[in-house]
Amino acid sequence: VYIVYQQYKNDNSQISYTPIGFTKVYLYYVYPDKTRPQICEMLILPPYQRKGHGRRLLTAIYEDLRTNS
């Protein structure tokens, strides 16, 4: 599971985070002995849509999977 957060300062001027979306990725088996990642679910909450968060999340996932596979 990948989660994207928005960072902001709260009323006490402390840095806080609020989740704005997530993506589920799982490895499924490809015959006979290999696995492949598959995105099975992605959600960006409506107030944060159409602001590039989904694209940045997918880019981060692709980079993570490339470097760790």
C-alpha atoms as a PDB file:
ATOM      1  CA  VAL A   1       0.000   0.000   0.000  1.00  0.00           C
ATOM      2  CA  TYR A   2       1.290   3.439  -0.937  1.00  0.00           C
ATOM      3  CA  ILE A   3      -0.233   6.441   0.815  1.00  0.00           C
ATOM      4  CA  VAL A   4       0.151  10.087  -0.194  1.00  0.00           C
ATOM      5  CA  TYR A   5      -0.126  12.804   2.451  1.00  0.00           C
ATOM      6  CA  GLN A   6      -0.500  16.561   2.461  1.00  0.00           C
ATOM      7  CA  GLN A   7       1.853  18.362   4.836  1.00  0.00           C
ATOM      8  CA  TYR A   8       0.563  21.508   6.548  1.00  0.00           C
ATOM      9  CA  LYS A   9       1.044  23.594   9.678  1.00  0.00           C
ATOM     10  CA  ASN A  10      -1.727  23.229  12.241  1.00  0.00           C
ATOM     11  CA  ASP A  11      -3.059  25.944  14.565  1.00  0.00           C
ATOM     12  CA  ASN A  12      -0.071  25.453  16.897  1.00  0.00           C
ATOM     13  CA  SER A  13       2.381  25.937  13.999  1.00  0.00           C
ATOM     14  CA  GLN A  14       3.358  22.274  14.187  1.00  0.00           C
ATOM     15  CA  ILE A  15       3.777  20.272  11.003  1.00  0.00           C
ATOM     16  CA  SER A  16       0.897  17.838  10.505  1.00  0.00           C
ATOM     17  CA  TYR A  17      -0.069  15.396   7.783  1.00  0.00           C
ATOM     18  CA  THR A  18      -3.405  14.388   6.332  1.00  0.00           C
ATOM     19  CA  PRO A  19      -3.879  11.468   3.916  1.00  0.00           C
ATOM     20  CA  ILE A  20      -5.166  12.501   0.509  1.00  0.00           C
ATOM     21  CA  GLY A  21      -5.003   9.201  -1.366  1.00  0.00           C
ATOM     22  CA  PHE A  22      -3.615   5.711  -1.660  1.00  0.00           C
ATOM     23  CA  THR A  23      -2.761   2.957  -4.101  1.00  0.00           C
ATOM     24  CA  LYS A  24      -2.704  -0.802  -3.542  1.00  0.00           C
ATOM     25  CA  VAL A  25      -0.090  -2.808  -5.403  1.00  0.00           C
ATOM     26  CA  TYR A  26       0.264  -6.555  -5.154  1.00  0.00           C
ATOM     27  CA  LEU A  27       2.551  -9.109  -6.711  1.00  0.00           C
ATOM     28  CA  TYR A  28       0.821 -11.778  -8.745  1.00  0.00           C
ATOM     29  CA  TYR A  29       2.486 -14.914  -9.972  1.00  0.00           C
ATOM     30  CA  VAL A  30       3.371 -15.319 -13.621  1.00  0.00           C
ATOM     31  CA  TYR A  31       3.887 -18.914 -14.705  1.00  0.00           C
ATOM     32  CA  PRO A  32       6.052 -20.653 -13.720  1.00  0.00           C
ATOM     33  CA  ASP A  33       8.222 -18.894 -11.133  1.00  0.00           C
ATOM     34  CA  LYS A  34       8.073 -15.123 -11.506  1.00  0.00           C
ATOM     35  CA  THR A  35       5.975 -12.336 -10.039  1.00  0.00           C
ATOM     36  CA  ARG A  36       4.778  -9.042 -11.469  1.00  0.00           C
ATOM     37  CA  PRO A  37       3.422  -6.035  -9.619  1.00  0.00           C
ATOM     38  CA  GLN A  38      -0.124  -5.000 -10.410  1.00  0.00           C
ATOM     39  CA  ILE A  39      -1.955  -1.882  -9.299  1.00  0.00           C
ATOM     40  CA  CYS A  40      -5.318  -3.073  -8.087  1.00  0.00           C
ATOM     41  CA  GLU A  41      -6.782   0.091  -6.592  1.00  0.00           C
ATOM     42  CA  MET A  42      -6.075   3.817  -6.573  1.00  0.00           C
ATOM     43  CA  LEU A  43      -7.916   6.665  -4.883  1.00  0.00           C
ATOM     44  CA  ILE A  44      -7.262  10.381  -4.606  1.00  0.00           C
ATOM     45  CA  LEU A  45      -9.875  12.121  -2.466  1.00  0.00           C
ATOM     46  CA  PRO A  46     -12.108  14.556  -4.425  1.00  0.00           C
ATOM     47  CA  PRO A  47     -10.765  17.841  -2.970  1.00  0.00           C
ATOM     48  CA  TYR A  48      -7.269  16.851  -4.133  1.00  0.00           C
ATOM     49  CA  GLN A  49      -8.125  15.512  -7.586  1.00  0.00           C
ATOM     50  CA  ARG A  50      -6.954  17.170 -10.806  1.00  0.00           C
ATOM     51  CA  LYS A  51      -3.917  18.658  -9.069  1.00  0.00           C
ATOM     52  CA  GLY A  52      -1.296  16.136 -10.197  1.00  0.00           C
ATOM     53  CA  HIS A  53      -1.264  14.035  -7.013  1.00  0.00           C
ATOM     54  CA  GLY A  54      -2.263  10.833  -8.825  1.00  0.00           C
ATOM     55  CA  ARG A  55       0.440  11.295 -11.447  1.00  0.00           C
ATOM     56  CA  ARG A  56       3.086  11.944  -8.792  1.00  0.00           C
ATOM     57  CA  LEU A  57       1.923   8.913  -6.812  1.00  0.00           C
ATOM     58  CA  LEU A  58       2.141   6.640  -9.869  1.00  0.00           C
ATOM     59  CA  THR A  59       5.573   8.020 -10.752  1.00  0.00           C
ATOM     60  CA  ALA A  60       6.806   7.311  -7.210  1.00  0.00           C
ATOM     61  CA  ILE A  61       5.401   3.769  -7.381  1.00  0.00           C
ATOM     62  CA  TYR A  62       7.062   3.098 -10.745  1.00  0.00           C
ATOM     63  CA  GLU A  63      10.401   4.369  -9.427  1.00  0.00           C
ATOM     64  CA  ASP A  64      10.100   2.301  -6.254  1.00  0.00           C
ATOM     65  CA  LEU A  65       9.247  -0.867  -8.181  1.00  0.00           C
ATOM     66  CA  ARG A  66      12.084  -0.304 -10.665  1.00  0.00           C
ATOM     67  CA  THR A  67      14.707   0.153  -7.962  1.00  0.00           C
ATOM     68  CA  ASN A  68      13.459  -2.652  -5.702  1.00  0.00           C
ATOM     69  CA  SER A  69      12.718  -5.405  -8.208  1.00  0.00           C
END
